[in-house]
N, C-alpha and C. Protein backbone atom coordinates (compact mmCIF):
# COMPACT_ATOMS: atom_id res chain seq x y z
N MET A 1 0.84 -1.17 0.00
CA MET A 1 0.00 0.00 0.00
C MET A 1 0.89 1.25 0.00
N VAL A 2 0.61 2.16 -0.89
CA VAL A 2 1.37 3.40 -0.99
C VAL A 2 0.66 4.46 -0.16
N ARG A 3 1.39 5.07 0.72
CA ARG A 3 0.81 6.10 1.58
C ARG A 3 1.02 7.47 0.95
N ASP A 4 -0.03 8.28 0.97
CA ASP A 4 0.05 9.63 0.43
C ASP A 4 0.99 10.45 1.31
N GLN A 5 1.91 11.17 0.71
CA GLN A 5 2.95 11.89 1.44
C GLN A 5 2.57 13.34 1.75
N ARG A 6 1.34 13.73 1.55
CA ARG A 6 0.95 15.11 1.86
C ARG A 6 0.86 15.30 3.37
N SER A 7 1.36 16.42 3.83
CA SER A 7 1.34 16.71 5.27
C SER A 7 -0.02 17.25 5.68
N HIS A 8 -0.27 17.20 6.97
CA HIS A 8 -1.51 17.78 7.50
C HIS A 8 -1.56 19.27 7.22
N VAL A 9 -0.41 19.93 7.31
CA VAL A 9 -0.35 21.37 7.05
C VAL A 9 -0.71 21.67 5.60
N ALA A 10 -0.19 20.87 4.68
CA ALA A 10 -0.49 21.09 3.26
C ALA A 10 -1.98 20.90 2.98
N ILE A 11 -2.57 19.89 3.59
CA ILE A 11 -4.01 19.64 3.41
C ILE A 11 -4.82 20.77 4.03
N HIS A 12 -4.44 21.21 5.23
CA HIS A 12 -5.13 22.32 5.88
C HIS A 12 -5.08 23.56 5.00
N ASN A 13 -3.89 23.86 4.47
CA ASN A 13 -3.74 25.05 3.62
C ASN A 13 -4.59 24.93 2.36
N TRP A 14 -4.64 23.74 1.78
CA TRP A 14 -5.44 23.53 0.57
C TRP A 14 -6.93 23.76 0.86
N VAL A 15 -7.42 23.21 1.96
CA VAL A 15 -8.83 23.38 2.33
C VAL A 15 -9.12 24.85 2.58
N HIS A 16 -8.20 25.55 3.28
CA HIS A 16 -8.40 26.96 3.56
C HIS A 16 -8.43 27.78 2.27
N GLU A 17 -7.50 27.50 1.36
CA GLU A 17 -7.46 28.24 0.10
C GLU A 17 -8.68 27.94 -0.77
N ALA A 18 -9.18 26.71 -0.70
CA ALA A 18 -10.35 26.34 -1.50
C ALA A 18 -11.63 26.92 -0.91
N ASP A 19 -11.56 27.40 0.35
CA ASP A 19 -12.70 27.99 1.03
C ASP A 19 -13.88 27.02 1.08
N LEU A 20 -13.59 25.73 1.35
CA LEU A 20 -14.64 24.72 1.46
C LEU A 20 -15.39 24.92 2.76
N GLN A 21 -16.69 24.79 2.72
CA GLN A 21 -17.51 24.96 3.89
C GLN A 21 -18.35 23.71 4.11
N PRO A 22 -18.33 23.17 5.34
CA PRO A 22 -19.18 22.01 5.60
C PRO A 22 -20.65 22.41 5.59
N ILE A 23 -21.49 21.45 5.33
CA ILE A 23 -22.93 21.70 5.41
C ILE A 23 -23.29 21.82 6.87
N SER A 24 -23.91 22.91 7.23
CA SER A 24 -24.26 23.16 8.62
C SER A 24 -25.50 22.39 9.02
N THR A 25 -25.51 21.98 10.28
CA THR A 25 -26.68 21.31 10.83
C THR A 25 -27.47 22.24 11.73
N VAL A 26 -27.29 23.53 11.56
CA VAL A 26 -27.95 24.50 12.42
C VAL A 26 -29.45 24.40 12.23
N SER A 27 -30.15 24.18 13.34
CA SER A 27 -31.60 24.13 13.29
C SER A 27 -32.22 25.03 14.34
N GLU A 28 -31.42 25.49 15.25
CA GLU A 28 -31.93 26.35 16.31
C GLU A 28 -31.94 27.80 15.85
N ASP A 29 -32.54 28.65 16.65
CA ASP A 29 -32.65 30.05 16.28
C ASP A 29 -31.69 30.94 17.07
N GLN A 30 -30.67 30.34 17.69
CA GLN A 30 -29.68 31.13 18.42
C GLN A 30 -28.28 30.81 17.90
N LEU A 31 -27.42 31.81 17.96
CA LEU A 31 -26.05 31.66 17.53
C LEU A 31 -25.17 32.46 18.47
N ALA A 32 -24.23 31.81 19.13
CA ALA A 32 -23.31 32.50 20.03
C ALA A 32 -22.14 33.03 19.23
N VAL A 33 -21.82 34.31 19.40
CA VAL A 33 -20.70 34.93 18.69
C VAL A 33 -19.81 35.66 19.69
N ASP A 34 -18.51 35.70 19.37
CA ASP A 34 -17.57 36.36 20.26
C ASP A 34 -16.32 36.75 19.49
N ALA A 35 -15.54 37.63 20.07
CA ALA A 35 -14.26 38.04 19.50
C ALA A 35 -13.24 38.08 20.63
N LYS A 36 -12.06 37.55 20.36
CA LYS A 36 -10.98 37.53 21.36
C LYS A 36 -9.67 37.91 20.69
N MET A 37 -8.83 38.60 21.42
CA MET A 37 -7.49 38.92 20.93
C MET A 37 -6.60 37.71 21.17
N ILE A 38 -5.85 37.31 20.13
CA ILE A 38 -4.90 36.21 20.26
C ILE A 38 -3.54 36.70 19.79
N ARG A 39 -2.51 35.98 20.16
CA ARG A 39 -1.15 36.28 19.69
C ARG A 39 -0.68 35.12 18.84
N LEU A 40 -0.18 35.46 17.67
CA LEU A 40 0.41 34.48 16.78
C LEU A 40 1.82 34.96 16.51
N ARG A 41 2.77 34.28 17.12
CA ARG A 41 4.16 34.73 17.14
C ARG A 41 4.19 36.09 17.82
N ASP A 42 4.65 37.12 17.15
CA ASP A 42 4.70 38.46 17.75
C ASP A 42 3.56 39.35 17.29
N GLN A 43 2.57 38.76 16.61
CA GLN A 43 1.49 39.55 16.04
C GLN A 43 0.20 39.37 16.84
N LYS A 44 -0.50 40.47 17.07
CA LYS A 44 -1.81 40.43 17.70
C LYS A 44 -2.87 40.33 16.61
N LEU A 45 -3.81 39.41 16.77
CA LEU A 45 -4.93 39.25 15.85
C LEU A 45 -6.21 39.13 16.65
N TRP A 46 -7.31 39.48 16.03
CA TRP A 46 -8.61 39.31 16.65
C TRP A 46 -9.31 38.14 15.99
N LEU A 47 -9.66 37.15 16.80
CA LEU A 47 -10.33 35.95 16.34
C LEU A 47 -11.81 36.09 16.64
N TYR A 48 -12.62 36.07 15.59
CA TYR A 48 -14.07 36.13 15.72
C TYR A 48 -14.61 34.72 15.47
N GLY A 49 -15.60 34.31 16.25
CA GLY A 49 -16.16 32.98 16.07
C GLY A 49 -17.65 32.95 16.28
N ALA A 50 -18.30 31.97 15.63
CA ALA A 50 -19.73 31.74 15.78
C ALA A 50 -19.94 30.26 16.06
N VAL A 51 -20.75 29.97 17.08
CA VAL A 51 -20.99 28.60 17.53
C VAL A 51 -22.48 28.38 17.73
N ASP A 52 -22.96 27.20 17.33
CA ASP A 52 -24.33 26.80 17.65
C ASP A 52 -24.33 26.41 19.13
N PRO A 53 -25.03 27.14 20.00
CA PRO A 53 -24.97 26.86 21.43
C PRO A 53 -25.63 25.54 21.83
N GLN A 54 -26.44 24.97 20.97
CA GLN A 54 -27.10 23.70 21.29
C GLN A 54 -26.18 22.50 21.05
N THR A 55 -25.34 22.60 20.02
CA THR A 55 -24.49 21.46 19.63
C THR A 55 -23.01 21.71 19.83
N ASN A 56 -22.63 22.95 20.12
CA ASN A 56 -21.23 23.38 20.20
C ASN A 56 -20.51 23.28 18.86
N GLU A 57 -21.27 23.19 17.77
CA GLU A 57 -20.69 23.14 16.43
C GLU A 57 -20.12 24.52 16.09
N ILE A 58 -18.84 24.54 15.72
CA ILE A 58 -18.21 25.78 15.28
C ILE A 58 -18.67 26.04 13.85
N LEU A 59 -19.37 27.12 13.65
CA LEU A 59 -19.93 27.43 12.34
C LEU A 59 -19.01 28.29 11.50
N HIS A 60 -18.34 29.22 12.14
CA HIS A 60 -17.50 30.13 11.37
C HIS A 60 -16.46 30.76 12.28
N VAL A 61 -15.25 30.89 11.75
CA VAL A 61 -14.17 31.56 12.46
C VAL A 61 -13.42 32.42 11.45
N SER A 62 -13.10 33.64 11.83
CA SER A 62 -12.29 34.54 11.00
C SER A 62 -11.35 35.30 11.91
N HIS A 63 -10.25 35.76 11.34
CA HIS A 63 -9.35 36.61 12.12
C HIS A 63 -9.08 37.90 11.35
N TYR A 64 -8.84 38.95 12.13
CA TYR A 64 -8.63 40.29 11.57
C TYR A 64 -7.49 40.96 12.34
N PRO A 65 -6.86 41.95 11.75
CA PRO A 65 -5.73 42.61 12.42
C PRO A 65 -6.16 43.52 13.58
N THR A 66 -7.42 43.86 13.63
CA THR A 66 -7.91 44.73 14.69
C THR A 66 -9.38 44.41 14.94
N ALA A 67 -9.90 44.89 16.05
CA ALA A 67 -11.32 44.73 16.36
C ALA A 67 -11.96 46.11 16.33
N ASN A 68 -12.87 46.30 15.41
CA ASN A 68 -13.61 47.55 15.33
C ASN A 68 -14.95 47.26 14.66
N LYS A 69 -15.75 48.28 14.46
CA LYS A 69 -17.08 48.06 13.88
C LYS A 69 -17.01 47.47 12.48
N GLN A 70 -16.07 47.93 11.67
CA GLN A 70 -15.99 47.43 10.30
C GLN A 70 -15.62 45.95 10.26
N MET A 71 -14.66 45.55 11.07
CA MET A 71 -14.27 44.13 11.12
C MET A 71 -15.44 43.29 11.61
N THR A 72 -16.15 43.80 12.60
CA THR A 72 -17.32 43.09 13.13
C THR A 72 -18.38 42.93 12.05
N ARG A 73 -18.62 43.97 11.28
CA ARG A 73 -19.60 43.89 10.19
C ARG A 73 -19.17 42.89 9.13
N TRP A 74 -17.89 42.85 8.80
CA TRP A 74 -17.40 41.87 7.82
C TRP A 74 -17.66 40.45 8.31
N PHE A 75 -17.37 40.22 9.59
CA PHE A 75 -17.59 38.90 10.17
C PHE A 75 -19.07 38.51 10.11
N LEU A 76 -19.94 39.42 10.53
CA LEU A 76 -21.38 39.12 10.53
C LEU A 76 -21.90 38.94 9.10
N THR A 77 -21.37 39.70 8.16
CA THR A 77 -21.75 39.53 6.76
C THR A 77 -21.34 38.16 6.24
N GLU A 78 -20.15 37.70 6.62
CA GLU A 78 -19.71 36.36 6.23
C GLU A 78 -20.65 35.29 6.76
N ILE A 79 -21.08 35.42 8.00
CA ILE A 79 -22.00 34.45 8.60
C ILE A 79 -23.31 34.43 7.83
N HIS A 80 -23.87 35.61 7.57
CA HIS A 80 -25.14 35.68 6.85
C HIS A 80 -25.02 35.12 5.43
N ARG A 81 -23.92 35.40 4.77
CA ARG A 81 -23.71 34.92 3.41
C ARG A 81 -23.61 33.39 3.36
N ARG A 82 -22.93 32.81 4.32
CA ARG A 82 -22.70 31.36 4.31
C ARG A 82 -23.90 30.56 4.81
N TYR A 83 -24.60 31.08 5.79
CA TYR A 83 -25.65 30.30 6.44
C TYR A 83 -27.05 30.87 6.27
N GLN A 84 -27.19 32.07 5.77
CA GLN A 84 -28.48 32.70 5.56
C GLN A 84 -29.38 32.57 6.79
N LEU A 85 -28.90 33.06 7.91
CA LEU A 85 -29.60 32.97 9.19
C LEU A 85 -30.36 34.25 9.46
N ASN A 86 -31.40 34.48 8.70
CA ASN A 86 -32.14 35.72 8.83
C ASN A 86 -32.93 35.83 10.12
N ASP A 87 -33.37 34.70 10.69
CA ASP A 87 -34.20 34.74 11.89
C ASP A 87 -33.43 34.41 13.16
N VAL A 88 -32.13 34.37 13.09
CA VAL A 88 -31.33 33.97 14.24
C VAL A 88 -31.26 35.09 15.28
N VAL A 89 -31.16 34.70 16.55
CA VAL A 89 -30.88 35.63 17.65
C VAL A 89 -29.43 35.41 18.03
N PHE A 90 -28.63 36.45 17.91
CA PHE A 90 -27.22 36.35 18.26
C PHE A 90 -27.06 36.50 19.77
N LEU A 91 -26.28 35.62 20.37
CA LEU A 91 -25.97 35.69 21.80
C LEU A 91 -24.58 36.29 21.93
N VAL A 92 -24.47 37.42 22.63
CA VAL A 92 -23.21 38.14 22.76
C VAL A 92 -22.99 38.51 24.21
N ASP A 93 -21.73 38.86 24.55
CA ASP A 93 -21.49 39.47 25.85
C ASP A 93 -21.42 40.97 25.66
N ASP A 94 -21.17 41.69 26.73
CA ASP A 94 -21.18 43.15 26.62
C ASP A 94 -19.77 43.74 26.55
N ALA A 95 -18.78 42.92 26.19
CA ALA A 95 -17.40 43.36 26.25
C ALA A 95 -16.82 43.82 24.92
N ASP A 96 -17.58 43.75 23.84
CA ASP A 96 -16.98 44.11 22.56
C ASP A 96 -17.99 44.81 21.66
N ASP A 97 -17.61 45.01 20.40
CA ASP A 97 -18.43 45.73 19.43
C ASP A 97 -19.58 44.91 18.85
N LEU A 98 -19.64 43.62 19.13
CA LEU A 98 -20.66 42.78 18.50
C LEU A 98 -22.08 43.29 18.77
N GLY A 99 -22.42 43.51 20.03
CA GLY A 99 -23.77 43.97 20.37
C GLY A 99 -24.07 45.33 19.77
N LEU A 100 -23.10 46.22 19.81
CA LEU A 100 -23.29 47.56 19.26
C LEU A 100 -23.57 47.50 17.75
N VAL A 101 -22.79 46.73 17.02
CA VAL A 101 -22.98 46.61 15.57
C VAL A 101 -24.29 45.90 15.26
N LEU A 102 -24.62 44.86 15.99
CA LEU A 102 -25.88 44.16 15.77
C LEU A 102 -27.06 45.10 15.96
N ALA A 103 -27.00 45.93 17.00
CA ALA A 103 -28.08 46.89 17.26
C ALA A 103 -28.16 47.93 16.14
N GLU A 104 -27.02 48.47 15.75
CA GLU A 104 -27.00 49.49 14.70
C GLU A 104 -27.53 48.95 13.36
N ASP A 105 -27.26 47.68 13.09
CA ASP A 105 -27.65 47.09 11.82
C ASP A 105 -29.01 46.39 11.87
N GLY A 106 -29.71 46.49 13.00
CA GLY A 106 -31.07 45.97 13.10
C GLY A 106 -31.20 44.46 13.29
N HIS A 107 -30.15 43.80 13.77
CA HIS A 107 -30.22 42.35 14.01
C HIS A 107 -30.76 42.08 15.41
N ARG A 108 -31.37 40.92 15.56
CA ARG A 108 -31.85 40.51 16.89
C ARG A 108 -30.67 39.91 17.66
N PHE A 109 -30.54 40.32 18.93
CA PHE A 109 -29.47 39.79 19.76
C PHE A 109 -29.86 39.89 21.23
N GLN A 110 -29.16 39.10 22.06
CA GLN A 110 -29.32 39.15 23.50
C GLN A 110 -27.93 39.22 24.13
N VAL A 111 -27.79 40.09 25.11
CA VAL A 111 -26.55 40.15 25.88
C VAL A 111 -26.68 39.15 27.01
N ILE A 112 -25.81 38.15 26.99
CA ILE A 112 -25.89 37.05 27.97
C ILE A 112 -24.49 36.75 28.49
N GLN A 113 -24.34 36.68 29.78
CA GLN A 113 -23.07 36.25 30.37
C GLN A 113 -23.09 34.73 30.60
N PRO A 114 -23.94 34.21 31.46
CA PRO A 114 -24.00 32.76 31.63
C PRO A 114 -25.03 32.16 30.67
N GLY A 115 -25.15 30.86 30.66
CA GLY A 115 -26.19 30.22 29.86
C GLY A 115 -25.69 29.70 28.53
N ASN A 116 -26.55 29.73 27.50
CA ASN A 116 -26.24 29.14 26.20
C ASN A 116 -25.00 29.73 25.56
N ARG A 117 -24.69 30.96 25.85
CA ARG A 117 -23.55 31.60 25.23
C ARG A 117 -22.24 30.97 25.67
N ASN A 118 -22.24 30.25 26.79
CA ASN A 118 -21.01 29.64 27.28
C ASN A 118 -20.39 28.68 26.28
N ALA A 119 -21.14 28.21 25.30
CA ALA A 119 -20.58 27.31 24.29
C ALA A 119 -19.36 27.94 23.61
N ILE A 120 -19.48 29.18 23.23
CA ILE A 120 -18.33 29.83 22.56
C ILE A 120 -17.24 30.20 23.56
N GLU A 121 -17.60 30.53 24.77
CA GLU A 121 -16.58 30.85 25.78
C GLU A 121 -15.70 29.63 26.05
N ARG A 122 -16.26 28.44 26.07
CA ARG A 122 -15.45 27.23 26.28
C ARG A 122 -14.47 27.03 25.13
N ILE A 123 -14.90 27.36 23.92
CA ILE A 123 -14.03 27.16 22.76
C ILE A 123 -12.92 28.22 22.74
N PHE A 124 -13.26 29.46 23.05
CA PHE A 124 -12.25 30.51 23.08
C PHE A 124 -11.37 30.37 24.30
């Protein structure tokens, strides 16, 4: 048997470049979203993520060089484009721009510290 010599890194990069998206099993009307600052080598990046709080399924993750309203809007636009979640209620905390942008753009959201939103906190 001949084993394929491609590395995990090469496969990961190929999937990332191809922008393949799994079929989502989202059936609930809530989506937990959050943003956290991370360090990659000497660089600071903001990691935005969306998780189905019922299944802990990671639906979408993006990173940006900074956290501001525009980056937040790009992230939310990506989620809407990929999953078309028009009736979703976003679960957010009160520590970042997510709630502010959701309110300004007319999206439904709830500010929650404990509860269903903890799904994304465990992942971050």
